[in-house]
């Protein structure tokens, strides 16, 4: 899934699969997070992420580990402003995955978390998964409100004070779709070429005036 739309303030944002070269951009976003947001994401006092950890977060296999980023334009170039991912349970059933989601503090309350979570659930269902599960700190009320809005069931974890276990049943999606990692990267590369050509379209050339557009072969 590659999706492009405009926010109410006019900012153009893109949701796309993460790429191996996105490690530095992801690291920049994690560095910009407030201490509270970083604590909510990692459930601990993580101040920085090592290059090796960033490489692991950005080079996913798109089989058991799937990740998306939302990007926006910045004076220095493209900027990651949100990320969402799931990993199929290594020790549990193959029909469920654990998810994680974070949005840059300055871009919160603009619907990005909802959009990313919907895409994550759609991708998981397309891969044949039946459940998304996760752990959320009890004082992370905005995240819990978002998850309840998305029909996640939230229950306290008796084994860990202050942690809420969340899970959602995914809508059946038939037939399951699985793409090789190189196919995912090829789709994204094709989209970037399409956006490059569109960006350099001569002034006055016809183009779709809609605020939401998709590359014609971007769905997967």
N, C-alpha and C. Protein backbone atom coordinates (compact mmCIF):
# COMPACT_ATOMS: atom_id res chain seq x y z
N UNK A 1 0.84 -1.20 0.00
CA UNK A 1 0.00 0.00 0.00
C UNK A 1 0.87 1.25 0.00
N UNK A 2 0.69 2.09 -0.99
CA UNK A 2 1.30 3.41 -1.01
C UNK A 2 0.16 4.40 -1.15
N UNK A 3 0.07 5.32 -0.22
CA UNK A 3 -1.07 6.23 -0.17
C UNK A 3 -0.55 7.65 0.01
N UNK A 4 -1.14 8.59 -0.72
CA UNK A 4 -0.75 9.99 -0.64
C UNK A 4 -2.01 10.82 -0.42
N UNK A 5 -1.97 11.72 0.54
CA UNK A 5 -3.13 12.58 0.79
C UNK A 5 -2.67 13.88 1.45
N UNK A 6 -3.59 14.82 1.57
CA UNK A 6 -3.30 16.10 2.20
C UNK A 6 -4.05 16.20 3.52
N UNK A 7 -3.37 16.77 4.50
CA UNK A 7 -4.00 17.03 5.79
C UNK A 7 -4.78 18.33 5.70
N UNK A 8 -5.53 18.62 6.75
CA UNK A 8 -6.35 19.83 6.73
C UNK A 8 -5.53 21.10 6.62
N UNK A 9 -4.29 21.05 7.09
CA UNK A 9 -3.43 22.24 6.99
C UNK A 9 -2.74 22.35 5.64
N UNK A 10 -3.06 21.42 4.73
CA UNK A 10 -2.48 21.45 3.39
C UNK A 10 -1.23 20.63 3.21
N UNK A 11 -0.67 20.10 4.30
CA UNK A 11 0.56 19.31 4.20
C UNK A 11 0.29 18.01 3.44
N UNK A 12 1.17 17.69 2.52
CA UNK A 12 1.06 16.47 1.73
C UNK A 12 1.88 15.37 2.42
N UNK A 13 1.25 14.25 2.72
CA UNK A 13 1.92 13.16 3.42
C UNK A 13 1.79 11.88 2.61
N UNK A 14 2.73 10.98 2.83
CA UNK A 14 2.77 9.72 2.11
C UNK A 14 2.92 8.56 3.08
N UNK A 15 2.09 7.56 2.92
CA UNK A 15 2.22 6.32 3.67
C UNK A 15 2.75 5.27 2.72
N UNK A 16 3.84 4.60 3.11
CA UNK A 16 4.47 3.62 2.24
C UNK A 16 5.21 2.58 3.07
N UNK A 17 5.59 1.45 2.46
CA UNK A 17 6.42 0.48 3.17
C UNK A 17 7.78 1.07 3.50
N UNK A 18 8.33 0.67 4.61
CA UNK A 18 9.66 1.14 4.98
C UNK A 18 10.70 0.50 4.07
N UNK A 19 11.79 1.22 3.82
CA UNK A 19 12.88 0.74 2.98
C UNK A 19 14.16 0.63 3.82
N UNK A 20 15.09 -0.22 3.42
CA UNK A 20 16.33 -0.36 4.18
C UNK A 20 17.06 0.97 4.38
N UNK A 21 16.99 1.86 3.38
CA UNK A 21 17.69 3.13 3.49
C UNK A 21 16.96 4.15 4.36
N UNK A 22 15.82 3.78 4.92
CA UNK A 22 15.08 4.69 5.79
C UNK A 22 15.62 4.73 7.21
N UNK A 23 16.64 3.93 7.52
CA UNK A 23 17.16 3.89 8.88
C UNK A 23 17.49 5.26 9.45
N UNK A 24 18.27 6.09 8.76
CA UNK A 24 18.59 7.42 9.30
C UNK A 24 17.35 8.30 9.50
N UNK A 25 16.39 8.24 8.55
CA UNK A 25 15.17 9.04 8.70
C UNK A 25 14.36 8.57 9.90
N UNK A 26 14.29 7.25 10.09
CA UNK A 26 13.59 6.72 11.26
C UNK A 26 14.30 7.14 12.54
N UNK A 27 15.63 7.09 12.52
CA UNK A 27 16.38 7.51 13.69
C UNK A 27 16.15 8.97 14.03
N UNK A 28 16.05 9.82 13.00
CA UNK A 28 15.77 11.24 13.23
C UNK A 28 14.43 11.43 13.92
N UNK A 29 13.41 10.67 13.47
CA UNK A 29 12.10 10.81 14.11
C UNK A 29 12.15 10.35 15.57
N UNK A 30 12.79 9.22 15.82
CA UNK A 30 12.86 8.72 17.19
C UNK A 30 13.61 9.68 18.09
N UNK A 31 14.60 10.38 17.53
CA UNK A 31 15.33 11.38 18.31
C UNK A 31 14.46 12.58 18.62
N UNK A 32 13.57 12.94 17.68
CA UNK A 32 12.69 14.10 17.89
C UNK A 32 11.59 13.83 18.90
N UNK A 33 11.28 12.57 19.15
CA UNK A 33 10.19 12.25 20.07
C UNK A 33 10.45 12.84 21.44
N UNK A 34 9.38 13.26 22.09
CA UNK A 34 9.49 13.70 23.48
C UNK A 34 9.86 12.50 24.35
N UNK A 35 10.44 12.73 25.53
CA UNK A 35 10.75 11.61 26.43
C UNK A 35 9.54 10.73 26.71
N UNK A 36 8.36 11.35 26.86
CA UNK A 36 7.15 10.58 27.14
C UNK A 36 6.78 9.69 25.95
N UNK A 37 6.82 10.26 24.75
CA UNK A 37 6.48 9.48 23.55
C UNK A 37 7.47 8.35 23.33
N UNK A 38 8.75 8.61 23.57
CA UNK A 38 9.76 7.56 23.43
C UNK A 38 9.54 6.46 24.46
N UNK A 39 9.17 6.86 25.68
CA UNK A 39 8.89 5.88 26.74
C UNK A 39 7.69 5.02 26.35
N UNK A 40 6.66 5.64 25.79
CA UNK A 40 5.47 4.90 25.37
C UNK A 40 5.82 3.91 24.25
N UNK A 41 6.70 4.31 23.33
CA UNK A 41 7.04 3.44 22.21
C UNK A 41 7.86 2.23 22.64
N UNK A 42 8.84 2.45 23.52
CA UNK A 42 9.76 1.38 23.87
C UNK A 42 9.55 0.83 25.28
N UNK A 43 8.56 1.38 26.01
CA UNK A 43 8.26 0.91 27.37
C UNK A 43 9.50 1.00 28.27
N UNK A 44 10.27 2.04 28.09
CA UNK A 44 11.45 2.20 28.92
C UNK A 44 12.15 3.50 28.63
N UNK A 45 13.24 3.76 29.35
CA UNK A 45 13.97 5.01 29.21
C UNK A 45 14.97 4.98 28.09
N UNK A 46 14.54 4.71 26.88
CA UNK A 46 15.44 4.66 25.73
C UNK A 46 15.69 6.09 25.24
N UNK A 47 16.95 6.51 25.27
CA UNK A 47 17.29 7.86 24.83
C UNK A 47 17.68 7.91 23.35
N UNK A 48 18.24 6.82 22.86
CA UNK A 48 18.66 6.78 21.46
C UNK A 48 18.64 5.34 20.98
N UNK A 49 18.63 5.19 19.67
CA UNK A 49 18.63 3.87 19.05
C UNK A 49 19.93 3.73 18.27
N UNK A 50 20.59 2.62 18.41
CA UNK A 50 21.88 2.40 17.76
C UNK A 50 21.70 2.19 16.25
N UNK A 51 22.74 2.42 15.46
CA UNK A 51 22.66 2.14 14.02
C UNK A 51 22.26 0.70 13.73
N UNK A 52 22.75 -0.24 14.53
CA UNK A 52 22.39 -1.65 14.32
C UNK A 52 20.90 -1.87 14.56
N UNK A 53 20.35 -1.22 15.57
CA UNK A 53 18.92 -1.34 15.84
C UNK A 53 18.10 -0.69 14.74
N UNK A 54 18.55 0.45 14.23
CA UNK A 54 17.85 1.12 13.13
C UNK A 54 17.86 0.25 11.88
N UNK A 55 18.99 -0.41 11.63
CA UNK A 55 19.07 -1.30 10.47
C UNK A 55 18.09 -2.45 10.62
N UNK A 56 17.94 -2.96 11.83
CA UNK A 56 17.00 -4.05 12.07
C UNK A 56 15.56 -3.58 11.90
N UNK A 57 15.28 -2.34 12.30
CA UNK A 57 13.92 -1.81 12.20
C UNK A 57 13.54 -1.45 10.77
N UNK A 58 14.52 -1.11 9.95
CA UNK A 58 14.22 -0.66 8.59
C UNK A 58 14.36 -1.75 7.53
N UNK A 59 15.16 -2.76 7.79
CA UNK A 59 15.35 -3.86 6.82
C UNK A 59 14.48 -5.03 7.23
N UNK A 60 13.20 -4.98 6.89
CA UNK A 60 12.26 -6.01 7.29
C UNK A 60 12.06 -7.00 6.15
N UNK A 61 11.54 -8.20 6.47
CA UNK A 61 11.44 -9.24 5.45
C UNK A 61 10.09 -9.26 4.72
N UNK A 62 9.10 -8.51 5.18
CA UNK A 62 7.77 -8.45 4.58
C UNK A 62 7.09 -9.80 4.52
N UNK A 63 7.49 -10.70 5.37
CA UNK A 63 6.79 -11.96 5.55
C UNK A 63 6.31 -12.05 7.00
N UNK A 64 7.27 -12.10 7.90
CA UNK A 64 6.94 -12.16 9.32
C UNK A 64 7.11 -10.80 10.01
N UNK A 65 7.72 -9.88 9.33
CA UNK A 65 7.94 -8.53 9.87
C UNK A 65 7.59 -7.53 8.78
N UNK A 66 6.57 -6.71 9.02
CA UNK A 66 6.07 -5.73 8.05
C UNK A 66 6.06 -4.36 8.72
N UNK A 67 6.49 -3.34 8.00
CA UNK A 67 6.53 -2.00 8.58
C UNK A 67 6.18 -0.95 7.54
N UNK A 68 5.49 0.08 7.99
CA UNK A 68 5.13 1.23 7.15
C UNK A 68 5.60 2.50 7.82
N UNK A 69 5.89 3.50 7.02
CA UNK A 69 6.20 4.83 7.53
C UNK A 69 5.28 5.84 6.86
N UNK A 70 5.04 6.94 7.55
CA UNK A 70 4.37 8.09 6.95
C UNK A 70 5.40 9.19 6.88
N UNK A 71 5.53 9.79 5.70
CA UNK A 71 6.55 10.82 5.50
C UNK A 71 5.91 12.13 5.06
N UNK A 72 6.65 13.21 5.28
CA UNK A 72 6.24 14.54 4.84
C UNK A 72 7.48 15.27 4.35
N UNK A 73 7.27 16.30 3.58
CA UNK A 73 8.39 17.10 3.07
C UNK A 73 8.89 18.03 4.16
N UNK A 74 10.21 18.23 4.19
CA UNK A 74 10.85 19.14 5.13
C UNK A 74 11.92 19.91 4.36
N UNK A 75 12.39 21.05 4.90
CA UNK A 75 13.44 21.81 4.20
C UNK A 75 14.66 20.96 3.86
N UNK A 76 14.95 19.96 4.69
CA UNK A 76 16.12 19.12 4.46
C UNK A 76 15.82 17.92 3.57
N UNK A 77 14.55 17.76 3.18
CA UNK A 77 14.15 16.62 2.36
C UNK A 77 13.00 15.86 2.99
N UNK A 78 12.89 14.58 2.66
CA UNK A 78 11.82 13.76 3.21
C UNK A 78 12.04 13.52 4.70
N UNK A 79 10.94 13.50 5.45
CA UNK A 79 11.00 13.33 6.89
C UNK A 79 9.99 12.28 7.32
N UNK A 80 10.42 11.29 8.11
CA UNK A 80 9.49 10.30 8.65
C UNK A 80 8.78 10.92 9.85
N UNK A 81 7.44 10.84 9.85
CA UNK A 81 6.67 11.45 10.94
C UNK A 81 5.83 10.41 11.68
N UNK A 82 5.82 9.17 11.22
CA UNK A 82 5.10 8.10 11.93
C UNK A 82 5.60 6.77 11.41
N UNK A 83 5.51 5.75 12.24
CA UNK A 83 5.85 4.39 11.80
C UNK A 83 4.95 3.40 12.50
N UNK A 84 4.62 2.34 11.77
CA UNK A 84 3.77 1.27 12.31
C UNK A 84 4.30 -0.04 11.78
N UNK A 85 4.28 -1.08 12.61
CA UNK A 85 4.83 -2.36 12.19
C UNK A 85 4.16 -3.50 12.95
N UNK A 86 4.29 -4.69 12.38
CA UNK A 86 3.91 -5.89 13.12
C UNK A 86 4.91 -6.99 12.87
N UNK A 87 5.06 -7.87 13.86
CA UNK A 87 5.92 -9.04 13.77
C UNK A 87 5.08 -10.25 14.14
N UNK A 88 5.09 -11.26 13.30
CA UNK A 88 4.37 -12.49 13.60
C UNK A 88 4.98 -13.12 14.85
N UNK A 89 4.13 -13.55 15.76
CA UNK A 89 4.59 -14.12 17.02
C UNK A 89 5.58 -15.25 16.78
N UNK A 90 6.75 -15.12 17.35
CA UNK A 90 7.79 -16.13 17.16
C UNK A 90 7.49 -17.40 17.96
N UNK A 91 6.88 -17.23 19.13
CA UNK A 91 6.63 -18.38 19.99
C UNK A 91 5.16 -18.77 20.05
N UNK A 92 4.29 -17.94 19.47
CA UNK A 92 2.86 -18.23 19.53
C UNK A 92 2.36 -18.79 18.22
N UNK A 93 1.05 -18.65 18.02
CA UNK A 93 0.43 -19.17 16.80
C UNK A 93 0.82 -18.31 15.61
N UNK A 94 0.84 -18.93 14.44
CA UNK A 94 1.20 -18.21 13.23
C UNK A 94 0.08 -17.32 12.70
N UNK A 95 -1.06 -17.30 13.39
CA UNK A 95 -2.17 -16.49 12.91
C UNK A 95 -2.28 -15.16 13.65
N UNK A 96 -1.28 -14.78 14.45
CA UNK A 96 -1.32 -13.52 15.18
C UNK A 96 0.02 -12.82 15.11
N UNK A 97 0.01 -11.50 15.31
CA UNK A 97 1.23 -10.71 15.25
C UNK A 97 1.15 -9.62 16.31
N UNK A 98 2.32 -9.21 16.77
CA UNK A 98 2.41 -8.10 17.72
C UNK A 98 2.72 -6.83 16.95
N UNK A 99 2.04 -5.74 17.30
CA UNK A 99 2.19 -4.50 16.54
C UNK A 99 2.80 -3.40 17.41
N UNK A 100 3.31 -2.37 16.75
CA UNK A 100 3.81 -1.17 17.41
C UNK A 100 3.49 0.02 16.52
N UNK A 101 3.26 1.17 17.16
CA UNK A 101 2.86 2.37 16.43
C UNK A 101 3.36 3.59 17.18
N UNK A 102 3.90 4.56 16.45
CA UNK A 102 4.31 5.83 17.06
C UNK A 102 4.16 6.94 16.03
N UNK A 103 3.74 8.12 16.52
CA UNK A 103 3.59 9.31 15.67
C UNK A 103 4.40 10.44 16.30
N UNK A 104 5.16 11.14 15.48
CA UNK A 104 5.92 12.30 15.92
C UNK A 104 5.00 13.24 16.71
N UNK A 105 5.47 13.73 17.86
CA UNK A 105 4.64 14.58 18.72
C UNK A 105 4.01 15.74 17.96
N UNK A 106 4.79 16.36 17.07
CA UNK A 106 4.29 17.55 16.36
C UNK A 106 3.25 17.22 15.30
N UNK A 107 3.07 15.92 15.01
CA UNK A 107 2.12 15.52 13.98
C UNK A 107 0.96 14.71 14.55
N UNK A 108 0.82 14.70 15.85
CA UNK A 108 -0.26 13.94 16.46
C UNK A 108 -1.59 14.68 16.33
N UNK A 109 -2.67 13.93 16.54
CA UNK A 109 -4.04 14.45 16.46
C UNK A 109 -4.39 14.97 15.05
N UNK A 110 -3.85 14.30 14.04
CA UNK A 110 -4.17 14.65 12.66
C UNK A 110 -4.62 13.43 11.87
N UNK A 111 -4.94 12.35 12.57
CA UNK A 111 -5.44 11.16 11.92
C UNK A 111 -4.38 10.22 11.39
N UNK A 112 -3.10 10.51 11.64
CA UNK A 112 -2.04 9.66 11.11
C UNK A 112 -2.00 8.30 11.77
N UNK A 113 -2.22 8.28 13.09
CA UNK A 113 -2.21 7.00 13.80
C UNK A 113 -3.32 6.09 13.32
N UNK A 114 -4.50 6.66 13.10
CA UNK A 114 -5.63 5.88 12.61
C UNK A 114 -5.34 5.33 11.21
N UNK A 115 -4.80 6.17 10.35
CA UNK A 115 -4.50 5.75 8.98
C UNK A 115 -3.45 4.63 8.99
N UNK A 116 -2.41 4.79 9.80
CA UNK A 116 -1.35 3.79 9.84
C UNK A 116 -1.86 2.47 10.42
N UNK A 117 -2.68 2.56 11.45
CA UNK A 117 -3.20 1.34 12.07
C UNK A 117 -4.15 0.61 11.13
N UNK A 118 -4.97 1.34 10.40
CA UNK A 118 -5.86 0.71 9.42
C UNK A 118 -5.05 -0.02 8.34
N UNK A 119 -3.99 0.63 7.87
CA UNK A 119 -3.15 0.00 6.85
C UNK A 119 -2.45 -1.24 7.39
N UNK A 120 -2.00 -1.16 8.63
CA UNK A 120 -1.34 -2.30 9.25
C UNK A 120 -2.30 -3.48 9.37
N UNK A 121 -3.53 -3.21 9.81
CA UNK A 121 -4.52 -4.27 9.95
C UNK A 121 -4.88 -4.86 8.59
N UNK A 122 -5.01 -4.01 7.59
CA UNK A 122 -5.33 -4.49 6.23
C UNK A 122 -4.22 -5.39 5.70
N UNK A 123 -2.97 -4.98 5.92
CA UNK A 123 -1.83 -5.77 5.46
C UNK A 123 -1.77 -7.11 6.19
N UNK A 124 -2.00 -7.09 7.50
CA UNK A 124 -1.97 -8.33 8.28
C UNK A 124 -3.06 -9.30 7.84
N UNK A 125 -4.26 -8.77 7.60
CA UNK A 125 -5.35 -9.62 7.15
C UNK A 125 -5.06 -10.20 5.77
N UNK A 126 -4.46 -9.38 4.89
CA UNK A 126 -4.12 -9.86 3.54
C UNK A 126 -3.08 -10.96 3.59
N UNK A 127 -2.26 -10.97 4.65
CA UNK A 127 -1.24 -12.00 4.81
C UNK A 127 -1.78 -13.26 5.47
N UNK A 128 -3.09 -13.25 5.78
CA UNK A 128 -3.71 -14.42 6.37
C UNK A 128 -3.72 -14.45 7.88
N UNK A 129 -3.30 -13.35 8.54
CA UNK A 129 -3.32 -13.30 10.00
C UNK A 129 -4.74 -13.05 10.50
N UNK A 130 -5.01 -13.50 11.71
CA UNK A 130 -6.34 -13.35 12.29
C UNK A 130 -6.38 -12.37 13.45
N UNK A 131 -5.22 -12.09 14.06
CA UNK A 131 -5.19 -11.25 15.25
C UNK A 131 -4.00 -10.29 15.22
N UNK A 132 -4.24 -9.07 15.72
CA UNK A 132 -3.17 -8.14 16.05
C UNK A 132 -3.19 -7.95 17.56
N UNK A 133 -2.02 -8.06 18.18
CA UNK A 133 -1.94 -7.95 19.63
C UNK A 133 -0.80 -7.00 20.00
N UNK A 134 -0.92 -6.43 21.19
CA UNK A 134 0.13 -5.53 21.65
C UNK A 134 0.02 -5.23 23.12
N UNK A 135 1.01 -4.49 23.62
CA UNK A 135 1.04 -4.05 25.02
C UNK A 135 1.16 -2.54 25.03
N UNK A 136 0.30 -1.88 25.82
CA UNK A 136 0.28 -0.42 25.89
C UNK A 136 0.36 -0.01 27.35
N UNK A 137 1.19 0.99 27.64
CA UNK A 137 1.26 1.49 29.01
C UNK A 137 -0.08 2.10 29.39
N UNK A 138 -0.52 1.83 30.61
CA UNK A 138 -1.86 2.24 31.04
C UNK A 138 -2.05 3.75 31.00
N UNK A 139 -0.98 4.52 31.19
CA UNK A 139 -1.13 5.97 31.19
C UNK A 139 -1.03 6.58 29.78
N UNK A 140 -0.86 5.73 28.77
CA UNK A 140 -0.85 6.21 27.39
C UNK A 140 -2.29 6.28 26.89
N UNK A 141 -3.03 7.23 27.43
CA UNK A 141 -4.47 7.31 27.15
C UNK A 141 -4.80 7.61 25.69
N UNK A 142 -4.05 8.49 25.00
CA UNK A 142 -4.38 8.71 23.58
C UNK A 142 -4.29 7.44 22.75
N UNK A 143 -3.27 6.61 22.99
CA UNK A 143 -3.15 5.36 22.25
C UNK A 143 -4.30 4.42 22.57
N UNK A 144 -4.64 4.30 23.83
CA UNK A 144 -5.74 3.41 24.21
C UNK A 144 -7.06 3.89 23.61
N UNK A 145 -7.26 5.21 23.55
CA UNK A 145 -8.47 5.75 22.94
C UNK A 145 -8.51 5.41 21.45
N UNK A 146 -7.37 5.52 20.77
CA UNK A 146 -7.31 5.18 19.35
C UNK A 146 -7.61 3.71 19.15
N UNK A 147 -7.04 2.84 19.98
CA UNK A 147 -7.24 1.41 19.82
C UNK A 147 -8.70 1.02 20.08
N UNK A 148 -9.30 1.63 21.07
CA UNK A 148 -10.73 1.34 21.32
C UNK A 148 -11.58 1.79 20.14
N UNK A 149 -11.21 2.93 19.55
CA UNK A 149 -11.93 3.40 18.36
C UNK A 149 -11.81 2.41 17.22
N UNK A 150 -10.67 1.72 17.17
CA UNK A 150 -10.44 0.71 16.13
C UNK A 150 -10.89 -0.68 16.56
N UNK A 151 -11.71 -0.75 17.59
CA UNK A 151 -12.32 -1.99 18.05
C UNK A 151 -11.32 -3.00 18.64
N UNK A 152 -10.26 -2.49 19.23
CA UNK A 152 -9.37 -3.36 19.99
C UNK A 152 -9.98 -3.63 21.36
N UNK A 153 -9.80 -4.84 21.84
CA UNK A 153 -10.23 -5.21 23.18
C UNK A 153 -9.05 -4.95 24.12
N UNK A 154 -9.26 -4.17 25.18
CA UNK A 154 -8.20 -3.76 26.09
C UNK A 154 -8.44 -4.34 27.47
N UNK A 155 -7.46 -5.06 27.98
CA UNK A 155 -7.59 -5.66 29.31
C UNK A 155 -6.29 -5.43 30.07
N UNK A 156 -6.41 -5.28 31.40
CA UNK A 156 -5.24 -5.11 32.24
C UNK A 156 -4.41 -6.39 32.29
N UNK A 157 -3.11 -6.21 32.40
CA UNK A 157 -2.20 -7.35 32.49
C UNK A 157 -1.84 -7.56 33.95
N UNK A 158 -2.37 -8.61 34.54
CA UNK A 158 -2.13 -8.87 35.94
C UNK A 158 -0.69 -9.17 36.27
N UNK A 159 0.10 -9.57 35.28
CA UNK A 159 1.49 -9.92 35.54
C UNK A 159 2.41 -8.71 35.48
N UNK A 160 1.93 -7.58 35.00
CA UNK A 160 2.77 -6.39 34.88
C UNK A 160 1.93 -5.15 35.15
N UNK A 161 2.13 -4.56 36.31
CA UNK A 161 1.34 -3.40 36.70
C UNK A 161 1.56 -2.25 35.71
N UNK A 162 0.46 -1.60 35.36
CA UNK A 162 0.54 -0.45 34.48
C UNK A 162 0.59 -0.77 33.00
N UNK A 163 0.39 -2.02 32.63
CA UNK A 163 0.41 -2.42 31.21
C UNK A 163 -0.96 -2.96 30.83
N UNK A 164 -1.45 -2.53 29.69
CA UNK A 164 -2.73 -2.99 29.17
C UNK A 164 -2.46 -3.85 27.93
N UNK A 165 -3.01 -5.05 27.92
CA UNK A 165 -2.90 -5.92 26.75
C UNK A 165 -4.06 -5.62 25.81
N UNK A 166 -3.76 -5.47 24.54
CA UNK A 166 -4.79 -5.13 23.56
C UNK A 166 -4.76 -6.15 22.42
N UNK A 167 -5.92 -6.42 21.86
CA UNK A 167 -5.98 -7.32 20.72
C UNK A 167 -7.22 -7.02 19.89
N UNK A 168 -7.12 -7.32 18.62
CA UNK A 168 -8.23 -7.11 17.69
C UNK A 168 -8.30 -8.26 16.72
N UNK A 169 -9.51 -8.73 16.47
CA UNK A 169 -9.71 -9.76 15.44
C UNK A 169 -9.74 -9.06 14.09
N UNK A 170 -9.02 -9.59 13.13
CA UNK A 170 -8.94 -9.01 11.81
C UNK A 170 -10.03 -9.55 10.91
N UNK A 171 -10.52 -8.72 10.03
CA UNK A 171 -11.53 -9.16 9.08
C UNK A 171 -10.90 -10.12 8.09
N UNK A 172 -11.61 -11.20 7.77
CA UNK A 172 -11.04 -12.16 6.79
C UNK A 172 -10.73 -11.46 5.48
N UNK A 173 -9.64 -11.83 4.90
CA UNK A 173 -9.20 -11.25 3.62
C UNK A 173 -8.75 -12.41 2.75
N UNK A 174 -9.52 -12.71 1.71
CA UNK A 174 -9.19 -13.88 0.88
C UNK A 174 -8.97 -13.42 -0.56
N UNK A 175 -8.02 -14.06 -1.24
CA UNK A 175 -7.06 -15.02 -0.72
C UNK A 175 -5.90 -14.31 -0.06
N UNK A 176 -5.16 -14.95 0.86
CA UNK A 176 -3.98 -14.31 1.43
C UNK A 176 -2.99 -13.94 0.34
N UNK A 177 -2.35 -12.79 0.52
CA UNK A 177 -1.40 -12.29 -0.46
C UNK A 177 -0.02 -12.20 0.17
N UNK A 178 0.98 -12.77 -0.47
CA UNK A 178 2.34 -12.69 0.02
C UNK A 178 3.25 -12.30 -1.13
N UNK A 179 4.03 -11.23 -0.92
CA UNK A 179 4.99 -10.80 -1.93
C UNK A 179 6.40 -11.01 -1.39
N UNK A 180 7.30 -11.38 -2.27
CA UNK A 180 8.70 -11.48 -1.88
C UNK A 180 9.21 -10.09 -1.53
N UNK A 181 10.20 -9.99 -0.62
CA UNK A 181 10.72 -8.67 -0.24
C UNK A 181 11.15 -7.83 -1.43
N UNK A 182 11.81 -8.46 -2.44
CA UNK A 182 12.26 -7.67 -3.58
C UNK A 182 11.09 -7.11 -4.36
N UNK A 183 9.94 -7.80 -4.36
CA UNK A 183 8.75 -7.31 -5.06
C UNK A 183 8.20 -6.07 -4.36
N UNK A 184 8.22 -6.09 -3.02
CA UNK A 184 7.77 -4.92 -2.26
C UNK A 184 8.65 -3.72 -2.60
N UNK A 185 9.97 -3.91 -2.57
CA UNK A 185 10.88 -2.81 -2.85
C UNK A 185 10.74 -2.33 -4.29
N UNK A 186 10.48 -3.24 -5.23
CA UNK A 186 10.28 -2.85 -6.62
C UNK A 186 9.04 -1.98 -6.75
N UNK A 187 7.97 -2.32 -6.01
CA UNK A 187 6.75 -1.51 -6.08
C UNK A 187 7.03 -0.09 -5.58
N UNK A 188 7.76 0.02 -4.48
CA UNK A 188 8.06 1.34 -3.93
C UNK A 188 8.95 2.14 -4.88
N UNK A 189 9.94 1.47 -5.46
CA UNK A 189 10.82 2.15 -6.42
C UNK A 189 10.03 2.65 -7.62
N UNK A 190 9.07 1.84 -8.09
CA UNK A 190 8.22 2.25 -9.21
C UNK A 190 7.41 3.48 -8.84
N UNK A 191 6.92 3.49 -7.61
CA UNK A 191 6.12 4.65 -7.15
C UNK A 191 6.97 5.90 -7.12
N UNK A 192 8.22 5.79 -6.61
CA UNK A 192 9.09 6.95 -6.54
C UNK A 192 9.38 7.51 -7.93
N UNK A 193 9.55 6.64 -8.92
CA UNK A 193 9.76 7.13 -10.28
C UNK A 193 8.53 7.87 -10.79
N UNK A 194 7.35 7.32 -10.45
CA UNK A 194 6.10 7.97 -10.86
C UNK A 194 5.97 9.34 -10.21
N UNK A 195 6.30 9.43 -8.90
CA UNK A 195 6.19 10.72 -8.23
C UNK A 195 7.23 11.70 -8.78
N UNK A 196 8.44 11.23 -9.12
CA UNK A 196 9.46 12.10 -9.68
C UNK A 196 8.99 12.69 -11.00
N UNK A 197 8.43 11.84 -11.84
CA UNK A 197 7.95 12.32 -13.13
C UNK A 197 6.82 13.31 -12.95
N UNK A 198 5.95 13.04 -11.96
CA UNK A 198 4.81 13.94 -11.72
C UNK A 198 5.31 15.27 -11.18
N UNK A 199 6.35 15.22 -10.33
CA UNK A 199 6.88 16.45 -9.74
C UNK A 199 7.44 17.38 -10.80
N UNK A 200 8.00 16.78 -11.88
CA UNK A 200 8.61 17.60 -12.92
C UNK A 200 7.68 17.80 -14.12
N UNK A 201 6.39 17.56 -13.90
CA UNK A 201 5.42 17.80 -14.98
C UNK A 201 5.45 19.29 -15.35
N UNK A 202 5.48 19.65 -16.64
CA UNK A 202 5.53 21.06 -17.03
C UNK A 202 4.34 21.83 -16.49
N UNK A 203 4.58 23.08 -16.14
CA UNK A 203 3.50 23.94 -15.64
C UNK A 203 2.40 24.01 -16.67
N UNK A 204 1.15 23.86 -16.21
CA UNK A 204 0.01 23.91 -17.09
C UNK A 204 -0.43 22.57 -17.61
N UNK A 205 0.38 21.51 -17.35
CA UNK A 205 -0.03 20.18 -17.80
C UNK A 205 -1.17 19.68 -16.96
N UNK A 206 -2.09 18.91 -17.55
CA UNK A 206 -3.23 18.41 -16.77
C UNK A 206 -2.77 17.45 -15.69
N UNK A 207 -3.42 17.52 -14.53
CA UNK A 207 -3.15 16.59 -13.45
C UNK A 207 -4.39 16.46 -12.60
N UNK A 208 -4.46 15.42 -11.83
CA UNK A 208 -5.61 15.18 -10.98
C UNK A 208 -5.61 16.18 -9.83
N UNK A 209 -6.65 17.02 -9.71
CA UNK A 209 -6.66 18.02 -8.65
C UNK A 209 -7.06 17.47 -7.30
N UNK A 210 -7.42 16.18 -7.22
CA UNK A 210 -7.87 15.63 -5.95
C UNK A 210 -6.77 15.67 -4.91
N UNK A 211 -7.14 15.76 -3.66
CA UNK A 211 -6.17 15.82 -2.58
C UNK A 211 -5.71 14.44 -2.18
N UNK A 212 -6.25 13.39 -2.73
CA UNK A 212 -5.87 12.01 -2.40
C UNK A 212 -5.61 11.27 -3.68
N UNK A 213 -4.41 10.71 -3.83
CA UNK A 213 -4.11 9.99 -5.06
C UNK A 213 -3.29 8.75 -4.74
N UNK A 214 -3.33 7.82 -5.66
CA UNK A 214 -2.58 6.59 -5.51
C UNK A 214 -1.89 6.26 -6.81
N UNK A 215 -0.71 5.69 -6.69
CA UNK A 215 -0.06 5.15 -7.87
C UNK A 215 -0.91 4.00 -8.40
N UNK A 216 -1.18 3.91 -9.69
CA UNK A 216 -2.12 2.92 -10.20
C UNK A 216 -1.76 1.47 -9.90
N UNK A 217 -0.49 1.19 -9.59
CA UNK A 217 -0.13 -0.19 -9.27
C UNK A 217 0.47 -0.29 -7.87
N UNK A 218 0.00 0.60 -6.96
CA UNK A 218 0.63 0.69 -5.65
C UNK A 218 0.04 -0.26 -4.63
N UNK A 219 -1.09 -0.88 -4.89
CA UNK A 219 -1.70 -1.74 -3.89
C UNK A 219 -1.02 -3.09 -3.84
N UNK A 220 -0.73 -3.57 -2.65
CA UNK A 220 -0.23 -4.93 -2.48
C UNK A 220 -0.50 -5.40 -1.06
